[in-house]
Amino acid sequence: MEFPAEKQALASRAAICAAAAWVLYRSGGPICAALKLTLWEEYRPWLEKNKVQAVAIVAAVLFGLSLALFPVGEEVPPPPEGFCPCEEG
């Protein structure tokens, strides 16, 4: 079964955001310890109790940011005919 390219792009983006959120969750403790941030220790009990929710929240935030910064289906138009950036200035 073939899916439209836009749906495939969204599914791939969601999977990448979920993987990135999991990596951030797993490396959050060491990163906060290295930067001497107390944020991780403050929220550790909730994070350990609600791993799936924590990863889902971060994945949703990453997905939203990726859509805001790089919209799906919006193609960059080609430069005008005869345009050469090296001749400017």
Protein backbone atom coordinates (compact mmCIF):
# COMPACT_ATOMS: atom_id res chain seq x y z
CA MET A 1 0.00 0.00 0.00
CA GLU A 2 1.42 3.33 -1.11
CA PHE A 3 1.04 6.42 1.09
CA PRO A 4 1.21 10.00 -0.17
CA ALA A 5 4.63 11.62 0.09
CA GLU A 6 3.37 14.24 2.55
CA LYS A 7 2.09 11.58 4.98
CA GLN A 8 5.35 9.67 4.68
CA ALA A 9 7.28 12.86 5.45
CA LEU A 10 5.13 13.54 8.52
CA ALA A 11 5.49 9.96 9.76
CA SER A 12 9.25 10.07 9.30
CA ARG A 13 9.44 13.42 11.07
CA ALA A 14 7.36 12.10 14.00
CA ALA A 15 9.60 9.02 14.29
CA ILE A 16 12.74 11.15 14.27
CA CYS A 17 11.27 13.47 16.92
CA ALA A 18 10.33 10.49 19.11
CA ALA A 19 13.84 9.05 18.79
CA ALA A 20 15.40 12.43 19.60
CA ALA A 21 13.11 12.78 22.64
CA TRP A 22 14.19 9.33 23.89
CA VAL A 23 17.86 10.26 23.46
CA LEU A 24 17.27 13.51 25.35
CA TYR A 25 15.50 11.60 28.13
CA ARG A 26 18.31 9.05 28.46
CA SER A 27 21.07 11.67 28.35
CA GLY A 28 19.29 14.32 30.43
CA GLY A 29 20.80 13.23 33.74
CA PRO A 30 24.44 13.23 32.61
CA ILE A 31 24.01 16.49 30.68
CA CYS A 32 22.44 18.27 33.65
CA ALA A 33 25.14 16.89 35.95
CA ALA A 34 27.89 18.10 33.62
CA LEU A 35 26.32 21.57 33.38
CA LYS A 36 25.61 21.61 37.14
CA LEU A 37 21.87 22.14 36.61
CA THR A 38 19.55 21.07 39.41
CA LEU A 39 16.60 20.77 37.05
CA TRP A 40 17.01 17.02 36.51
CA GLU A 41 17.27 16.24 40.22
CA GLU A 42 14.22 18.38 40.90
CA TYR A 43 11.99 16.51 38.45
CA ARG A 44 13.61 13.04 38.61
CA PRO A 45 10.78 11.38 40.61
CA TRP A 46 8.14 12.47 38.10
CA LEU A 47 10.35 11.61 35.12
CA GLU A 48 11.08 8.10 36.43
CA LYS A 49 7.41 7.47 37.19
CA ASN A 50 6.15 8.85 33.85
CA LYS A 51 8.79 7.94 31.27
CA VAL A 52 6.37 7.53 28.39
CA GLN A 53 4.59 10.81 29.08
CA ALA A 54 7.88 12.68 29.43
CA VAL A 55 9.17 11.35 26.11
CA ALA A 56 5.81 12.02 24.42
CA ILE A 57 5.75 15.63 25.64
CA VAL A 58 9.28 16.31 24.40
CA ALA A 59 8.56 14.54 21.10
CA ALA A 60 5.43 16.68 20.60
CA VAL A 61 7.39 19.86 21.30
CA LEU A 62 10.14 18.81 18.89
CA PHE A 63 7.56 17.88 16.24
CA GLY A 64 5.83 21.25 16.58
CA LEU A 65 9.12 23.11 16.37
CA SER A 66 10.15 21.13 13.30
CA LEU A 67 6.86 21.97 11.58
CA ALA A 68 7.23 25.64 12.46
CA LEU A 69 10.81 25.83 11.22
CA PHE A 70 10.54 23.46 8.24
CA PRO A 71 6.95 23.20 6.92
CA VAL A 72 6.06 20.03 5.03
CA GLY A 73 5.30 20.43 1.36
CA GLU A 74 6.71 23.92 1.09
CA GLU A 75 9.33 23.79 -1.60
CA VAL A 76 11.99 26.42 -2.04
CA PRO A 77 11.51 28.13 -5.41
CA PRO A 78 14.45 27.94 -7.80
CA PRO A 79 16.51 31.10 -8.31
CA PRO A 80 15.52 33.34 -11.23
CA GLU A 81 16.96 32.63 -14.63
CA GLY A 82 20.50 33.98 -14.95
CA PHE A 83 20.93 34.64 -11.20
CA CYS A 84 24.51 34.36 -9.97
CA PRO A 85 25.21 35.28 -6.31
CA CYS A 86 28.91 35.71 -7.01
CA GLU A 87 28.25 38.78 -9.19
CA GLU A 88 26.46 40.73 -6.43
CA GLY A 89 28.15 43.35 -4.29
